[in-house]
All heavy atoms as atom14 arrays in JSON, in Angstrom:
{
  "sequence": "VAKVAHALKQLGVKPGDRVAGFMPNLPQTVVAMLAATSL",
  "atom14_mask": [
    [1, 1, 1, 1, 1, 1, 1, 0, 0, 0, 0, 0, 0, 0],
    [1, 1, 1, 1, 1, 0, 0, 0, 0, 0, 0, 0, 0, 0],
    [1, 1, 1, 1, 1, 1, 1, 1, 1, 0, 0, 0, 0, 0],
    [1, 1, 1, 1, 1, 1, 1, 0, 0, 0, 0, 0, 0, 0],
    [1, 1, 1, 1, 1, 0, 0, 0, 0, 0, 0, 0, 0, 0],
    [1, 1, 1, 1, 1, 1, 1, 1, 1, 1, 0, 0, 0, 0],
    [1, 1, 1, 1, 1, 0, 0, 0, 0, 0, 0, 0, 0, 0],
    [1, 1, 1, 1, 1, 1, 1, 1, 0, 0, 0, 0, 0, 0],
    [1, 1, 1, 1, 1, 1, 1, 1, 1, 0, 0, 0, 0, 0],
    [1, 1, 1, 1, 1, 1, 1, 1, 1, 0, 0, 0, 0, 0],
    [1, 1, 1, 1, 1, 1, 1, 1, 0, 0, 0, 0, 0, 0],
    [1, 1, 1, 1, 0, 0, 0, 0, 0, 0, 0, 0, 0, 0],
    [1, 1, 1, 1, 1, 1, 1, 0, 0, 0, 0, 0, 0, 0],
    [1, 1, 1, 1, 1, 1, 1, 1, 1, 0, 0, 0, 0, 0],
    [1, 1, 1, 1, 1, 1, 1, 0, 0, 0, 0, 0, 0, 0],
    [1, 1, 1, 1, 0, 0, 0, 0, 0, 0, 0, 0, 0, 0],
    [1, 1, 1, 1, 1, 1, 1, 1, 0, 0, 0, 0, 0, 0],
    [1, 1, 1, 1, 1, 1, 1, 1, 1, 1, 1, 0, 0, 0],
    [1, 1, 1, 1, 1, 1, 1, 0, 0, 0, 0, 0, 0, 0],
    [1, 1, 1, 1, 1, 0, 0, 0, 0, 0, 0, 0, 0, 0],
    [1, 1, 1, 1, 0, 0, 0, 0, 0, 0, 0, 0, 0, 0],
    [1, 1, 1, 1, 1, 1, 1, 1, 1, 1, 1, 0, 0, 0],
    [1, 1, 1, 1, 1, 1, 1, 1, 0, 0, 0, 0, 0, 0],
    [1, 1, 1, 1, 1, 1, 1, 0, 0, 0, 0, 0, 0, 0],
    [1, 1, 1, 1, 1, 1, 1, 1, 0, 0, 0, 0, 0, 0],
    [1, 1, 1, 1, 1, 1, 1, 1, 0, 0, 0, 0, 0, 0],
    [1, 1, 1, 1, 1, 1, 1, 0, 0, 0, 0, 0, 0, 0],
    [1, 1, 1, 1, 1, 1, 1, 1, 1, 0, 0, 0, 0, 0],
    [1, 1, 1, 1, 1, 1, 1, 0, 0, 0, 0, 0, 0, 0],
    [1, 1, 1, 1, 1, 1, 1, 0, 0, 0, 0, 0, 0, 0],
    [1, 1, 1, 1, 1, 1, 1, 0, 0, 0, 0, 0, 0, 0],
    [1, 1, 1, 1, 1, 0, 0, 0, 0, 0, 0, 0, 0, 0],
    [1, 1, 1, 1, 1, 1, 1, 1, 0, 0, 0, 0, 0, 0],
    [1, 1, 1, 1, 1, 1, 1, 1, 0, 0, 0, 0, 0, 0],
    [1, 1, 1, 1, 1, 0, 0, 0, 0, 0, 0, 0, 0, 0],
    [1, 1, 1, 1, 1, 0, 0, 0, 0, 0, 0, 0, 0, 0],
    [1, 1, 1, 1, 1, 1, 1, 0, 0, 0, 0, 0, 0, 0],
    [1, 1, 1, 1, 1, 1, 0, 0, 0, 0, 0, 0, 0, 0],
    [1, 1, 1, 1, 1, 1, 1, 1, 0, 0, 0, 0, 0, 0]
  ],
  "atom14_positions": [
    [[45.44, 20.14, 174.03], [46.71, 20.18, 173.29], [47.81, 20.73, 174.18], [48.95, 20.24, 174.16], [46.55, 21.03, 172.0], [47.91, 21.22, 171.32], [45.58, 20.35, 171.04], [0.0, 0.0, 0.0], [0.0, 0.0, 0.0], [0.0, 0.0, 0.0], [0.0, 0.0, 0.0], [0.0, 0.0, 0.0], [0.0, 0.0, 0.0], [0.0, 0.0, 0.0]],
    [[47.49, 21.73, 174.98], [48.5, 22.32, 175.87], [49.07, 21.27, 176.82], [50.29, 21.2, 177.06], [47.89, 23.48, 176.65], [0.0, 0.0, 0.0], [0.0, 0.0, 0.0], [0.0, 0.0, 0.0], [0.0, 0.0, 0.0], [0.0, 0.0, 0.0], [0.0, 0.0, 0.0], [0.0, 0.0, 0.0], [0.0, 0.0, 0.0], [0.0, 0.0, 0.0]],
    [[48.2, 20.42, 177.36], [48.65, 19.4, 178.31], [49.59, 18.39, 177.67], [50.61, 18.0, 178.25], [47.43, 18.66, 178.88], [46.49, 19.53, 179.7], [45.21, 18.77, 180.05], [44.2, 19.67, 180.75], [42.93, 18.95, 181.02], [0.0, 0.0, 0.0], [0.0, 0.0, 0.0], [0.0, 0.0, 0.0], [0.0, 0.0, 0.0], [0.0, 0.0, 0.0]],
    [[49.26, 17.96, 176.45], [50.09, 16.95, 175.78], [51.36, 17.59, 175.22], [52.43, 16.98, 175.25], [49.26, 16.24, 174.68], [50.12, 15.24, 173.91], [48.06, 15.54, 175.3], [0.0, 0.0, 0.0], [0.0, 0.0, 0.0], [0.0, 0.0, 0.0], [0.0, 0.0, 0.0], [0.0, 0.0, 0.0], [0.0, 0.0, 0.0], [0.0, 0.0, 0.0]],
    [[51.24, 18.82, 174.72], [52.44, 19.51, 174.2], [53.47, 19.69, 175.3], [54.68, 19.5, 175.08], [52.04, 20.86, 173.6], [0.0, 0.0, 0.0], [0.0, 0.0, 0.0], [0.0, 0.0, 0.0], [0.0, 0.0, 0.0], [0.0, 0.0, 0.0], [0.0, 0.0, 0.0], [0.0, 0.0, 0.0], [0.0, 0.0, 0.0], [0.0, 0.0, 0.0]],
    [[53.01, 20.05, 176.5], [53.95, 20.25, 177.61], [54.62, 18.93, 177.99], [55.83, 18.88, 178.27], [53.22, 20.85, 178.81], [54.15, 21.37, 179.86], [54.51, 20.64, 180.98], [54.82, 22.55, 179.96], [55.35, 21.34, 181.72], [55.55, 22.51, 181.14], [0.0, 0.0, 0.0], [0.0, 0.0, 0.0], [0.0, 0.0, 0.0], [0.0, 0.0, 0.0]],
    [[53.84, 17.84, 177.97], [54.41, 16.53, 178.28], [55.45, 16.12, 177.25], [56.51, 15.57, 177.59], [53.31, 15.49, 178.37], [0.0, 0.0, 0.0], [0.0, 0.0, 0.0], [0.0, 0.0, 0.0], [0.0, 0.0, 0.0], [0.0, 0.0, 0.0], [0.0, 0.0, 0.0], [0.0, 0.0, 0.0], [0.0, 0.0, 0.0], [0.0, 0.0, 0.0]],
    [[55.18, 16.38, 175.99], [56.14, 16.06, 174.93], [57.41, 16.9, 175.09], [58.53, 16.41, 174.9], [55.52, 16.3, 173.56], [54.46, 15.3, 173.09], [53.79, 15.78, 171.81], [55.06, 13.92, 172.88], [0.0, 0.0, 0.0], [0.0, 0.0, 0.0], [0.0, 0.0, 0.0], [0.0, 0.0, 0.0], [0.0, 0.0, 0.0], [0.0, 0.0, 0.0]],
    [[57.23, 18.16, 175.43], [58.39, 19.03, 175.61], [59.25, 18.54, 176.77], [60.5, 18.57, 176.71], [57.93, 20.46, 175.85], [59.04, 21.49, 175.77], [58.49, 22.91, 175.8], [59.6, 23.93, 175.6], [59.06, 25.31, 175.56], [0.0, 0.0, 0.0], [0.0, 0.0, 0.0], [0.0, 0.0, 0.0], [0.0, 0.0, 0.0], [0.0, 0.0, 0.0]],
    [[58.61, 18.06, 177.83], [59.35, 17.52, 178.98], [60.15, 16.28, 178.59], [61.19, 16.0, 179.19], [58.37, 17.18, 180.11], [57.73, 18.39, 180.77], [58.74, 19.28, 181.47], [59.09, 20.36, 180.97], [59.24, 18.81, 182.6], [0.0, 0.0, 0.0], [0.0, 0.0, 0.0], [0.0, 0.0, 0.0], [0.0, 0.0, 0.0], [0.0, 0.0, 0.0]],
    [[59.67, 15.57, 177.58], [60.41, 14.4, 177.08], [61.62, 14.8, 176.24], [62.43, 13.96, 175.89], [59.49, 13.53, 176.21], [58.57, 12.53, 176.88], [57.75, 11.8, 175.83], [59.35, 11.53, 177.72], [0.0, 0.0, 0.0], [0.0, 0.0, 0.0], [0.0, 0.0, 0.0], [0.0, 0.0, 0.0], [0.0, 0.0, 0.0], [0.0, 0.0, 0.0]],
    [[61.68, 16.06, 175.86], [62.77, 16.52, 175.02], [62.44, 16.55, 173.55], [63.34, 16.67, 172.71], [0.0, 0.0, 0.0], [0.0, 0.0, 0.0], [0.0, 0.0, 0.0], [0.0, 0.0, 0.0], [0.0, 0.0, 0.0], [0.0, 0.0, 0.0], [0.0, 0.0, 0.0], [0.0, 0.0, 0.0], [0.0, 0.0, 0.0], [0.0, 0.0, 0.0]],
    [[61.16, 16.45, 173.21], [60.77, 16.53, 171.79], [61.04, 17.93, 171.29], [60.64, 18.93, 171.91], [59.28, 16.15, 171.62], [58.83, 16.41, 170.18], [59.07, 14.69, 171.99], [0.0, 0.0, 0.0], [0.0, 0.0, 0.0], [0.0, 0.0, 0.0], [0.0, 0.0, 0.0], [0.0, 0.0, 0.0], [0.0, 0.0, 0.0], [0.0, 0.0, 0.0]],
    [[61.71, 18.02, 170.14], [62.11, 19.31, 169.59], [61.81, 19.34, 168.1], [61.44, 18.32, 167.5], [63.6, 19.54, 169.85], [64.51, 18.49, 169.25], [65.95, 18.69, 169.67], [66.89, 17.7, 168.98], [66.54, 16.29, 169.26], [0.0, 0.0, 0.0], [0.0, 0.0, 0.0], [0.0, 0.0, 0.0], [0.0, 0.0, 0.0], [0.0, 0.0, 0.0]],
    [[61.95, 20.52, 167.46], [61.67, 20.61, 166.02], [62.45, 19.57, 165.22], [63.65, 19.37, 165.43], [62.12, 22.03, 165.68], [61.89, 22.8, 166.93], [62.26, 21.85, 168.04], [0.0, 0.0, 0.0], [0.0, 0.0, 0.0], [0.0, 0.0, 0.0], [0.0, 0.0, 0.0], [0.0, 0.0, 0.0], [0.0, 0.0, 0.0], [0.0, 0.0, 0.0]],
    [[61.74, 18.91, 164.32], [62.36, 17.9, 163.46], [62.24, 16.49, 163.97], [62.39, 15.53, 163.19], [0.0, 0.0, 0.0], [0.0, 0.0, 0.0], [0.0, 0.0, 0.0], [0.0, 0.0, 0.0], [0.0, 0.0, 0.0], [0.0, 0.0, 0.0], [0.0, 0.0, 0.0], [0.0, 0.0, 0.0], [0.0, 0.0, 0.0], [0.0, 0.0, 0.0]],
    [[62.0, 16.3, 165.28], [61.77, 14.96, 165.81], [60.48, 14.4, 165.21], [59.55, 15.14, 164.92], [61.64, 14.98, 167.33], [62.97, 15.17, 168.03], [64.02, 14.98, 167.39], [62.96, 15.54, 169.22], [0.0, 0.0, 0.0], [0.0, 0.0, 0.0], [0.0, 0.0, 0.0], [0.0, 0.0, 0.0], [0.0, 0.0, 0.0], [0.0, 0.0, 0.0]],
    [[60.45, 13.08, 165.06], [59.23, 12.47, 164.54], [58.39, 11.92, 165.69], [58.91, 11.28, 166.6], [59.54, 11.33, 163.56], [59.82, 11.84, 162.15], [61.2, 12.43, 162.01], [62.25, 11.45, 162.28], [63.45, 11.75, 162.75], [63.77, 13.0, 163.03], [64.36, 10.79, 162.95], [0.0, 0.0, 0.0], [0.0, 0.0, 0.0], [0.0, 0.0, 0.0]],
    [[57.1, 12.2, 165.6], [56.11, 11.67, 166.53], [55.07, 10.95, 165.69], [54.55, 11.5, 164.72], [55.47, 12.79, 167.37], [54.35, 12.24, 168.24], [56.52, 13.48, 168.24], [0.0, 0.0, 0.0], [0.0, 0.0, 0.0], [0.0, 0.0, 0.0], [0.0, 0.0, 0.0], [0.0, 0.0, 0.0], [0.0, 0.0, 0.0], [0.0, 0.0, 0.0]],
    [[54.75, 9.7, 166.07], [53.89, 8.88, 165.22], [52.63, 8.44, 165.97], [52.6, 8.4, 167.2], [54.65, 7.65, 164.72], [0.0, 0.0, 0.0], [0.0, 0.0, 0.0], [0.0, 0.0, 0.0], [0.0, 0.0, 0.0], [0.0, 0.0, 0.0], [0.0, 0.0, 0.0], [0.0, 0.0, 0.0], [0.0, 0.0, 0.0], [0.0, 0.0, 0.0]],
    [[51.61, 8.11, 165.18], [50.37, 7.61, 165.74], [49.96, 6.31, 165.07], [49.97, 6.21, 163.84], [0.0, 0.0, 0.0], [0.0, 0.0, 0.0], [0.0, 0.0, 0.0], [0.0, 0.0, 0.0], [0.0, 0.0, 0.0], [0.0, 0.0, 0.0], [0.0, 0.0, 0.0], [0.0, 0.0, 0.0], [0.0, 0.0, 0.0], [0.0, 0.0, 0.0]],
    [[49.61, 5.33, 165.88], [49.01, 4.06, 165.41], [47.61, 4.07, 165.99], [47.32, 3.44, 166.99], [49.86, 2.88, 165.91], [49.37, 1.52, 165.48], [49.15, 1.22, 164.15], [49.14, 0.53, 166.43], [48.71, -0.05, 163.77], [48.71, -0.74, 166.06], [48.49, -1.02, 164.73], [0.0, 0.0, 0.0], [0.0, 0.0, 0.0], [0.0, 0.0, 0.0]],
    [[46.73, 4.85, 165.35], [45.54, 5.32, 166.03], [44.27, 5.19, 165.21], [44.28, 5.39, 163.99], [45.72, 6.81, 166.36], [46.76, 7.09, 167.43], [46.16, 6.66, 169.09], [44.89, 7.88, 169.31], [0.0, 0.0, 0.0], [0.0, 0.0, 0.0], [0.0, 0.0, 0.0], [0.0, 0.0, 0.0], [0.0, 0.0, 0.0], [0.0, 0.0, 0.0]],
    [[43.14, 4.9, 165.89], [41.84, 5.1, 165.25], [41.58, 6.59, 165.07], [42.37, 7.43, 165.52], [40.85, 4.49, 166.26], [41.68, 3.76, 167.27], [43.03, 4.39, 167.26], [0.0, 0.0, 0.0], [0.0, 0.0, 0.0], [0.0, 0.0, 0.0], [0.0, 0.0, 0.0], [0.0, 0.0, 0.0], [0.0, 0.0, 0.0], [0.0, 0.0, 0.0]],
    [[40.45, 6.92, 164.45], [40.11, 8.31, 164.18], [39.43, 8.93, 165.4], [38.24, 9.23, 165.4], [39.2, 8.38, 162.95], [38.98, 9.79, 162.46], [39.65, 10.72, 162.88], [38.01, 9.95, 161.57], [0.0, 0.0, 0.0], [0.0, 0.0, 0.0], [0.0, 0.0, 0.0], [0.0, 0.0, 0.0], [0.0, 0.0, 0.0], [0.0, 0.0, 0.0]],
    [[40.21, 9.12, 166.44], [39.72, 9.63, 167.72], [40.08, 11.1, 167.9], [41.04, 11.59, 167.29], [40.35, 8.84, 168.88], [40.21, 7.32, 168.88], [40.95, 6.73, 170.08], [38.74, 6.93, 168.9], [0.0, 0.0, 0.0], [0.0, 0.0, 0.0], [0.0, 0.0, 0.0], [0.0, 0.0, 0.0], [0.0, 0.0, 0.0], [0.0, 0.0, 0.0]],
    [[39.39, 11.81, 168.78], [39.81, 13.18, 169.11], [41.24, 13.23, 169.63], [41.97, 14.19, 169.37], [38.81, 13.6, 170.19], [37.59, 12.79, 169.92], [38.1, 11.46, 169.43], [0.0, 0.0, 0.0], [0.0, 0.0, 0.0], [0.0, 0.0, 0.0], [0.0, 0.0, 0.0], [0.0, 0.0, 0.0], [0.0, 0.0, 0.0], [0.0, 0.0, 0.0]],
    [[41.65, 12.19, 170.37], [43.02, 12.18, 170.92], [44.07, 12.15, 169.81], [45.2, 12.62, 170.02], [43.21, 10.97, 171.84], [42.41, 11.05, 173.14], [41.05, 10.41, 173.03], [40.48, 10.35, 171.93], [40.51, 9.93, 174.14], [0.0, 0.0, 0.0], [0.0, 0.0, 0.0], [0.0, 0.0, 0.0], [0.0, 0.0, 0.0], [0.0, 0.0, 0.0]],
    [[43.72, 11.61, 168.65], [44.66, 11.61, 167.53], [44.91, 13.04, 167.07], [46.05, 13.44, 166.79], [44.12, 10.77, 166.37], [43.61, 9.54, 166.87], [45.22, 10.49, 165.35], [0.0, 0.0, 0.0], [0.0, 0.0, 0.0], [0.0, 0.0, 0.0], [0.0, 0.0, 0.0], [0.0, 0.0, 0.0], [0.0, 0.0, 0.0], [0.0, 0.0, 0.0]],
    [[43.85, 13.82, 166.98], [43.98, 15.23, 166.6], [44.8, 15.98, 167.65], [45.69, 16.78, 167.32], [42.59, 15.87, 166.43], [42.73, 17.35, 166.06], [41.77, 15.13, 165.37], [0.0, 0.0, 0.0], [0.0, 0.0, 0.0], [0.0, 0.0, 0.0], [0.0, 0.0, 0.0], [0.0, 0.0, 0.0], [0.0, 0.0, 0.0], [0.0, 0.0, 0.0]],
    [[44.51, 15.72, 168.92], [45.24, 16.39, 170.0], [46.73, 16.07, 169.93], [47.59, 16.96, 170.04], [44.66, 15.97, 171.37], [45.54, 16.47, 172.51], [43.24, 16.51, 171.53], [0.0, 0.0, 0.0], [0.0, 0.0, 0.0], [0.0, 0.0, 0.0], [0.0, 0.0, 0.0], [0.0, 0.0, 0.0], [0.0, 0.0, 0.0], [0.0, 0.0, 0.0]],
    [[47.06, 14.8, 169.74], [48.47, 14.4, 169.68], [49.18, 15.05, 168.5], [50.32, 15.52, 168.63], [48.57, 12.87, 169.59], [0.0, 0.0, 0.0], [0.0, 0.0, 0.0], [0.0, 0.0, 0.0], [0.0, 0.0, 0.0], [0.0, 0.0, 0.0], [0.0, 0.0, 0.0], [0.0, 0.0, 0.0], [0.0, 0.0, 0.0], [0.0, 0.0, 0.0]],
    [[48.53, 15.08, 167.34], [49.14, 15.72, 166.17], [49.38, 17.2, 166.43], [50.47, 17.72, 166.14], [48.24, 15.54, 164.95], [48.79, 16.17, 163.67], [48.42, 17.95, 163.48], [46.66, 17.89, 163.12], [0.0, 0.0, 0.0], [0.0, 0.0, 0.0], [0.0, 0.0, 0.0], [0.0, 0.0, 0.0], [0.0, 0.0, 0.0], [0.0, 0.0, 0.0]],
    [[48.39, 17.9, 166.97], [48.56, 19.34, 167.21], [49.61, 19.6, 168.27], [50.39, 20.56, 168.17], [47.22, 19.94, 167.62], [46.15, 20.0, 166.51], [44.8, 20.41, 167.09], [46.57, 20.96, 165.4], [0.0, 0.0, 0.0], [0.0, 0.0, 0.0], [0.0, 0.0, 0.0], [0.0, 0.0, 0.0], [0.0, 0.0, 0.0], [0.0, 0.0, 0.0]],
    [[49.66, 18.75, 169.28], [50.68, 18.92, 170.32], [52.08, 18.75, 169.74], [53.0, 19.54, 170.02], [50.45, 17.91, 171.44], [0.0, 0.0, 0.0], [0.0, 0.0, 0.0], [0.0, 0.0, 0.0], [0.0, 0.0, 0.0], [0.0, 0.0, 0.0], [0.0, 0.0, 0.0], [0.0, 0.0, 0.0], [0.0, 0.0, 0.0], [0.0, 0.0, 0.0]],
    [[52.26, 17.71, 168.93], [53.58, 17.46, 168.32], [53.98, 18.61, 167.39], [55.11, 19.11, 167.46], [53.55, 16.13, 167.56], [0.0, 0.0, 0.0], [0.0, 0.0, 0.0], [0.0, 0.0, 0.0], [0.0, 0.0, 0.0], [0.0, 0.0, 0.0], [0.0, 0.0, 0.0], [0.0, 0.0, 0.0], [0.0, 0.0, 0.0], [0.0, 0.0, 0.0]],
    [[53.06, 19.03, 166.54], [53.42, 20.06, 165.55], [53.53, 21.44, 166.19], [54.2, 22.31, 165.63], [52.4, 20.07, 164.39], [51.08, 20.27, 164.9], [52.44, 18.75, 163.63], [0.0, 0.0, 0.0], [0.0, 0.0, 0.0], [0.0, 0.0, 0.0], [0.0, 0.0, 0.0], [0.0, 0.0, 0.0], [0.0, 0.0, 0.0], [0.0, 0.0, 0.0]],
    [[52.91, 21.64, 167.35], [53.11, 22.92, 168.03], [54.56, 23.12, 168.42], [55.06, 24.24, 168.51], [52.21, 23.01, 169.28], [52.71, 22.2, 170.34], [0.0, 0.0, 0.0], [0.0, 0.0, 0.0], [0.0, 0.0, 0.0], [0.0, 0.0, 0.0], [0.0, 0.0, 0.0], [0.0, 0.0, 0.0], [0.0, 0.0, 0.0], [0.0, 0.0, 0.0]],
    [[55.26, 21.99, 168.65], [56.69, 22.02, 169.01], [57.6, 21.98, 167.79], [58.82, 22.06, 167.93], [57.01, 20.83, 169.91], [56.23, 20.71, 171.21], [56.56, 19.4, 171.91], [56.51, 21.89, 172.13], [0.0, 0.0, 0.0], [0.0, 0.0, 0.0], [0.0, 0.0, 0.0], [0.0, 0.0, 0.0], [0.0, 0.0, 0.0], [0.0, 0.0, 0.0]]
  ]
}
């Protein structure tokens, strides 16, 4: 989650921005959600 959260932050993702998933039920889906919501 730390790795993906930092990458999202570098993109300029900030509170209130929407991050979406078109995803199967993979571990990476959980990681992406936690990374987005950590920000």
